[in-house]
Amino acid sequence: MASSENSISGLNRKSRPWRPAPAIGFSIKLHIAGLVVVLLQPSAWQWVLGLIVLNHTVLAGAVLWPKGQLLGSNITRLPDVAALRSEVSLTFDDGPDPVVTPRVLDLLDQYQAKASFFCLGARAEAHPEIIKDILRRGHSVENHSYSHPNAFSFYGISRLRREVENAQKAIASTNGHTPLFFRAPAGFRSPMLDPVLAKAGLHYASWTRRGFDGVKSDPALVLQRLTQGLAAGDILLLHDVARSSVTEPAVLLVLPKLLKVLAEKGLKSVSLPAAFGGNA
């Protein structure tokens, strides 16, 4: 992982100063320089505008690149020491769901596997007992925004802060547990998200491979996406919610087979905080 956060001692929940990623720092300087050039040489405005448009095009591409590092540090794999311990991390987005999440927890228990659940603040408020059960069984609960807005990556800093901080408060209110990691809805990350996460003491995490079970319900295809090239240190993404268009969520059909593959490969699933040194 290119991120400097590929370190056992590098993660904690404390608010930290925001340091712009190189691409963001360059963008800020470009805008300032462009303004100065236009003030000194108004006839150059077309060149300046062209550069600004090109810059915004690159940033828009970065938003749509879930595993990219241009917009800030991005955890896409577990630390090297966790990989050496043959660890992977199963992660589940969009819950908790009163029907699906308890069944996912039971399946994980059968294989003594631990996972991280990226929960929505609104769902945590609606089902606090499930949040407590997730934690009681040794898993971690992380932040996946408050309401999972489709336009999340287009929000300004104020609305991003509300989504992130309201989810933190909602999850923490269940039993005092405060998330350490954040994952953007659909993995689309706003260029303005990093300072919000820094203030909240959150670390951005995406994944190594995902099954697309939230889009495609074919269990065989979902399992193939998750297991093809599977290796120690991988972060795997599934969803623990029911979709109205299917009778049985794909995760409940895929997870038993996936856990069996992990066992056959000698891989152990752990929560993200555990993989990063137990700072949870």
Protein backbone atom coordinates (compact mmCIF):
# COMPACT_ATOMS: atom_id res chain seq x y z
CA MET A 1 0.00 0.00 0.00
CA ALA A 2 1.36 3.36 -0.96
CA SER A 3 -0.20 5.09 2.01
CA SER A 4 1.98 6.06 4.95
CA GLU A 5 -0.73 4.56 7.14
CA ASN A 6 0.50 1.06 6.36
CA SER A 7 1.86 1.05 9.89
CA ILE A 8 0.81 -0.63 13.10
CA SER A 9 1.48 2.48 15.20
CA GLY A 10 0.13 5.09 12.79
CA LEU A 11 -3.61 4.99 13.57
CA ASN A 12 -5.54 6.53 16.44
CA ARG A 13 -8.83 8.33 17.01
CA LYS A 14 -7.36 11.70 17.90
CA SER A 15 -8.11 14.76 15.82
CA ARG A 16 -5.06 15.63 13.76
CA PRO A 17 -3.86 18.53 11.61
CA TRP A 18 -4.91 18.29 7.99
CA ARG A 19 -2.11 18.01 5.48
CA PRO A 20 -3.34 18.31 1.88
CA ALA A 21 -2.55 15.41 -0.43
CA PRO A 22 -0.13 16.39 -3.21
CA ALA A 23 -2.93 16.63 -5.80
CA ILE A 24 -5.04 18.83 -3.53
CA GLY A 25 -2.06 21.00 -2.60
CA PHE A 26 -1.22 21.46 -6.27
CA SER A 27 -4.84 22.33 -7.06
CA ILE A 28 -4.93 25.00 -4.35
CA LYS A 29 -1.67 26.54 -5.59
CA LEU A 30 -2.89 26.42 -9.19
CA HIS A 31 -6.05 28.35 -8.33
CA ILE A 32 -4.08 30.98 -6.41
CA ALA A 33 -1.51 31.31 -9.19
CA GLY A 34 -4.26 31.52 -11.79
CA LEU A 35 -5.94 34.35 -9.92
CA VAL A 36 -2.65 36.26 -9.68
CA VAL A 37 -1.93 35.78 -13.40
CA VAL A 38 -5.39 37.00 -14.40
CA LEU A 39 -5.05 40.07 -12.18
CA LEU A 40 -1.66 40.91 -13.68
CA GLN A 41 -2.42 39.83 -17.24
CA PRO A 42 -6.20 39.77 -17.90
CA SER A 43 -5.71 38.67 -21.52
CA ALA A 44 -4.38 35.30 -20.24
CA TRP A 45 -7.71 34.31 -18.72
CA GLN A 46 -8.44 31.68 -21.38
CA TRP A 47 -5.19 29.84 -20.68
CA VAL A 48 -5.81 30.01 -16.96
CA LEU A 49 -9.38 28.78 -17.39
CA GLY A 50 -8.16 25.87 -19.52
CA LEU A 51 -5.70 24.81 -16.83
CA ILE A 52 -8.37 25.08 -14.13
CA VAL A 53 -10.81 22.96 -16.17
CA LEU A 54 -8.09 20.36 -16.76
CA ASN A 55 -7.31 20.33 -13.04
CA HIS A 56 -10.96 19.79 -12.14
CA THR A 57 -11.22 17.01 -14.71
CA VAL A 58 -8.32 15.20 -13.03
CA LEU A 59 -9.92 15.65 -9.61
CA ALA A 60 -13.24 14.34 -10.92
CA GLY A 61 -11.44 11.27 -12.20
CA ALA A 62 -9.87 10.79 -8.78
CA VAL A 63 -13.32 10.89 -7.17
CA LEU A 64 -14.36 7.97 -9.38
CA TRP A 65 -11.20 5.96 -8.53
CA PRO A 66 -12.11 4.35 -5.18
CA LYS A 67 -8.67 2.87 -4.52
CA GLY A 68 -6.69 5.92 -5.62
CA GLN A 69 -4.38 7.98 -3.42
CA LEU A 70 -4.61 11.34 -5.22
CA LEU A 71 -7.19 12.79 -2.83
CA GLY A 72 -5.47 11.60 0.32
CA SER A 73 -4.23 8.59 2.20
CA ASN A 74 -6.31 5.53 1.39
CA ILE A 75 -6.05 2.16 3.12
CA THR A 76 -6.50 -0.49 0.43
CA ARG A 77 -4.64 -3.34 2.17
CA LEU A 78 -3.76 -4.44 5.68
CA PRO A 79 -0.33 -3.64 7.11
CA ASP A 80 2.57 -5.86 6.08
CA VAL A 81 2.77 -7.40 9.55
CA ALA A 82 -0.88 -8.42 9.32
CA ALA A 83 -0.23 -10.05 5.96
CA LEU A 84 2.68 -11.94 7.49
CA ARG A 85 0.22 -13.26 10.08
CA SER A 86 -1.94 -14.53 7.16
CA GLU A 87 -4.69 -12.07 8.00
CA VAL A 88 -7.37 -10.60 5.76
CA SER A 89 -10.27 -8.37 6.73
CA LEU A 90 -13.89 -8.94 5.81
CA THR A 91 -15.84 -5.68 5.72
CA PHE A 92 -19.57 -5.14 5.36
CA ASP A 93 -21.21 -1.91 4.17
CA ASP A 94 -24.62 -0.23 4.56
CA GLY A 95 -25.96 -1.99 7.68
CA PRO A 96 -27.01 -2.75 10.24
CA ASP A 97 -29.97 -4.64 8.82
CA PRO A 98 -32.35 -6.34 11.30
CA VAL A 99 -32.74 -9.40 9.06
CA VAL A 100 -29.35 -9.81 7.38
CA THR A 101 -26.77 -8.59 9.91
CA PRO A 102 -27.63 -11.11 12.70
CA ARG A 103 -27.34 -13.96 10.19
CA VAL A 104 -23.99 -12.62 8.97
CA LEU A 105 -22.81 -12.50 12.58
CA ASP A 106 -23.85 -16.13 13.13
CA LEU A 107 -21.94 -17.23 10.02
CA LEU A 108 -18.82 -15.38 11.17
CA ASP A 109 -19.10 -17.05 14.57
CA GLN A 110 -19.14 -20.49 12.96
CA TYR A 111 -15.67 -19.87 11.53
CA GLN A 112 -14.41 -17.72 14.43
CA ALA A 113 -13.91 -14.92 11.94
CA LYS A 114 -13.88 -11.23 12.87
CA ALA A 115 -14.91 -8.39 10.60
CA SER A 116 -15.51 -4.65 10.36
CA PHE A 117 -19.01 -3.29 9.73
CA PHE A 118 -19.19 0.10 8.01
CA CYS A 119 -22.55 1.23 9.32
CA LEU A 120 -24.86 4.12 8.54
CA GLY A 121 -25.57 6.47 11.40
CA ALA A 122 -29.31 6.48 10.69
CA ARG A 123 -29.44 2.67 10.76
CA ALA A 124 -27.35 2.60 13.94
CA GLU A 125 -29.92 4.85 15.61
CA ALA A 126 -32.74 2.60 14.40
CA HIS A 127 -31.04 -0.65 15.52
CA PRO A 128 -28.73 0.09 18.46
CA GLU A 129 -29.11 -3.46 19.77
CA ILE A 130 -27.47 -4.82 16.60
CA ILE A 131 -24.56 -2.39 16.95
CA LYS A 132 -24.07 -3.65 20.50
CA ASP A 133 -24.22 -7.26 19.31
CA ILE A 134 -21.63 -6.62 16.59
CA LEU A 135 -19.23 -5.23 19.19
CA ARG A 136 -20.06 -7.91 21.77
CA ARG A 137 -19.06 -10.60 19.29
CA GLY A 138 -15.64 -9.03 18.78
CA HIS A 139 -16.11 -7.14 15.53
CA SER A 140 -15.64 -3.43 14.91
CA VAL A 141 -18.18 -0.82 13.84
CA GLU A 142 -16.94 1.86 11.46
CA ASN A 143 -18.36 4.99 9.83
CA HIS A 144 -20.09 4.85 6.42
CA SER A 145 -21.80 8.27 6.65
CA TYR A 146 -25.10 9.07 8.33
CA SER A 147 -27.57 8.61 5.47
CA HIS A 148 -25.56 7.30 2.47
CA PRO A 149 -26.50 10.15 0.11
CA ASN A 150 -25.93 9.41 -3.57
CA ALA A 151 -24.48 12.91 -4.04
CA PHE A 152 -22.00 12.54 -1.16
CA SER A 153 -18.93 13.14 -3.34
CA PHE A 154 -20.41 16.47 -4.52
CA TYR A 155 -21.03 17.85 -1.04
CA GLY A 156 -19.23 20.86 0.35
CA ILE A 157 -17.30 20.72 3.61
CA SER A 158 -20.28 21.67 5.82
CA ARG A 159 -22.54 18.90 4.50
CA LEU A 160 -19.68 16.39 4.54
CA ARG A 161 -19.01 17.28 8.15
CA ARG A 162 -22.64 16.75 9.09
CA GLU A 163 -22.74 13.32 7.42
CA VAL A 164 -19.50 12.18 9.04
CA GLU A 165 -19.91 13.67 12.51
CA ASN A 166 -23.59 12.75 12.87
CA ALA A 167 -22.70 9.14 12.06
CA GLN A 168 -19.89 9.22 14.63
CA LYS A 169 -22.29 10.48 17.28
CA ALA A 170 -25.02 8.01 16.35
CA ILE A 171 -22.68 5.03 16.56
CA ALA A 172 -20.93 6.23 19.72
CA SER A 173 -24.27 6.78 21.47
CA THR A 174 -25.03 3.05 21.39
CA ASN A 175 -22.33 2.06 23.91
CA GLY A 176 -19.49 4.56 23.68
CA HIS A 177 -17.68 2.91 20.77
CA THR A 178 -16.17 5.49 18.39
CA PRO A 179 -15.28 4.42 14.84
CA LEU A 180 -11.70 4.64 13.67
CA PHE A 181 -12.23 4.18 9.92
CA PHE A 182 -14.43 5.85 7.30
CA ARG A 183 -15.53 4.61 3.89
CA ALA A 184 -17.42 6.88 1.51
CA PRO A 185 -20.80 5.83 0.07
CA ALA A 186 -20.12 3.77 -3.08
CA GLY A 187 -16.43 4.52 -2.53
CA PHE A 188 -16.71 7.92 -4.25
CA ARG A 189 -14.57 10.29 -2.23
CA SER A 190 -14.99 14.06 -2.26
CA PRO A 191 -11.81 16.16 -2.75
CA MET A 192 -12.93 18.09 0.35
CA LEU A 193 -13.41 15.06 2.60
CA ASP A 194 -9.90 14.79 4.08
CA PRO A 195 -10.01 17.80 6.43
CA VAL A 196 -13.34 16.55 7.78
CA LEU A 197 -11.86 13.12 8.51
CA ALA A 198 -8.74 14.64 10.09
CA LYS A 199 -10.85 16.67 12.51
CA ALA A 200 -12.95 13.62 13.40
CA GLY A 201 -9.87 11.42 13.91
CA LEU A 202 -11.00 9.05 11.15
CA HIS A 203 -8.82 7.22 8.62
CA TYR A 204 -10.05 6.57 5.10
CA ALA A 205 -10.31 2.91 4.04
CA SER A 206 -11.47 1.38 0.78
CA TRP A 207 -10.76 -2.25 -0.19
CA THR A 208 -8.52 -4.63 -2.11
CA ARG A 209 -11.34 -6.49 -3.83
CA ARG A 210 -15.13 -6.33 -3.74
CA GLY A 211 -17.87 -8.68 -4.83
CA PHE A 212 -20.31 -6.06 -6.18
CA ASP A 213 -23.03 -7.94 -4.29
CA GLY A 214 -24.88 -4.65 -3.89
CA VAL A 215 -25.28 -4.50 -7.67
CA LYS A 216 -25.19 -8.11 -8.92
CA SER A 217 -26.90 -10.90 -7.02
CA ASP A 218 -25.22 -13.86 -8.75
CA PRO A 219 -23.48 -15.60 -5.82
CA ALA A 220 -21.01 -17.48 -8.04
CA LEU A 221 -19.85 -14.27 -9.69
CA VAL A 222 -19.61 -12.43 -6.37
CA LEU A 223 -17.52 -15.24 -4.90
CA GLN A 224 -15.25 -15.32 -7.95
CA ARG A 225 -14.55 -11.58 -7.67
CA LEU A 226 -13.62 -11.95 -4.02
CA THR A 227 -11.46 -15.06 -4.30
CA GLN A 228 -9.64 -14.64 -7.63
CA GLY A 229 -6.13 -13.61 -6.63
CA LEU A 230 -7.05 -13.61 -2.96
CA ALA A 231 -3.99 -13.15 -0.74
CA ALA A 232 -3.00 -12.35 2.83
CA GLY A 233 -3.43 -8.66 3.58
CA ASP A 234 -6.52 -8.23 1.40
CA ILE A 235 -9.53 -6.17 2.49
CA LEU A 236 -12.76 -7.68 1.13
CA LEU A 237 -16.04 -5.81 0.68
CA LEU A 238 -19.58 -7.17 0.95
CA HIS A 239 -22.94 -5.68 2.03
CA ASP A 240 -25.05 -6.80 4.99
CA VAL A 241 -28.39 -5.39 3.83
CA ALA A 242 -31.46 -6.85 2.17
CA ARG A 243 -32.30 -5.74 -1.36
CA SER A 244 -36.02 -5.68 -2.15
CA SER A 245 -35.40 -7.20 -5.58
CA VAL A 246 -33.99 -10.49 -4.28
CA THR A 247 -35.43 -13.12 -1.98
CA GLU A 248 -32.10 -14.04 -0.38
CA PRO A 249 -29.29 -11.46 -0.14
CA ALA A 250 -26.18 -12.57 -2.02
CA VAL A 251 -24.02 -12.09 1.06
CA LEU A 252 -25.82 -14.93 2.87
CA LEU A 253 -25.18 -17.29 -0.04
CA VAL A 254 -21.60 -16.18 -0.63
CA LEU A 255 -20.28 -15.79 2.91
CA PRO A 256 -20.29 -19.50 3.92
CA LYS A 257 -18.33 -20.43 0.79
CA LEU A 258 -15.98 -17.47 1.21
CA LEU A 259 -15.25 -18.37 4.82
CA LYS A 260 -14.52 -21.94 3.72
CA VAL A 261 -12.07 -20.67 1.08
CA LEU A 262 -10.31 -18.55 3.69
CA ALA A 263 -9.99 -21.56 5.98
CA GLU A 264 -8.64 -23.74 3.16
CA LYS A 265 -6.03 -21.08 2.32
CA GLY A 266 -5.01 -20.71 5.95
CA LEU A 267 -6.22 -17.10 6.06
CA LYS A 268 -7.74 -15.54 9.15
CA SER A 269 -10.25 -12.70 9.00
CA VAL A 270 -9.73 -9.92 11.55
CA SER A 271 -11.25 -6.51 12.09
CA LEU A 272 -9.44 -3.49 10.70
CA PRO A 273 -8.52 -2.09 14.15
CA ALA A 274 -7.07 -5.46 15.13
CA ALA A 275 -5.00 -5.61 11.95
CA PHE A 276 -3.61 -2.16 12.68
CA GLY A 277 -2.40 -3.00 16.14
CA GLY A 278 -5.46 -3.04 18.31
CA ASN A 279 -5.88 0.74 18.61
CA ALA A 280 -9.59 0.07 18.80
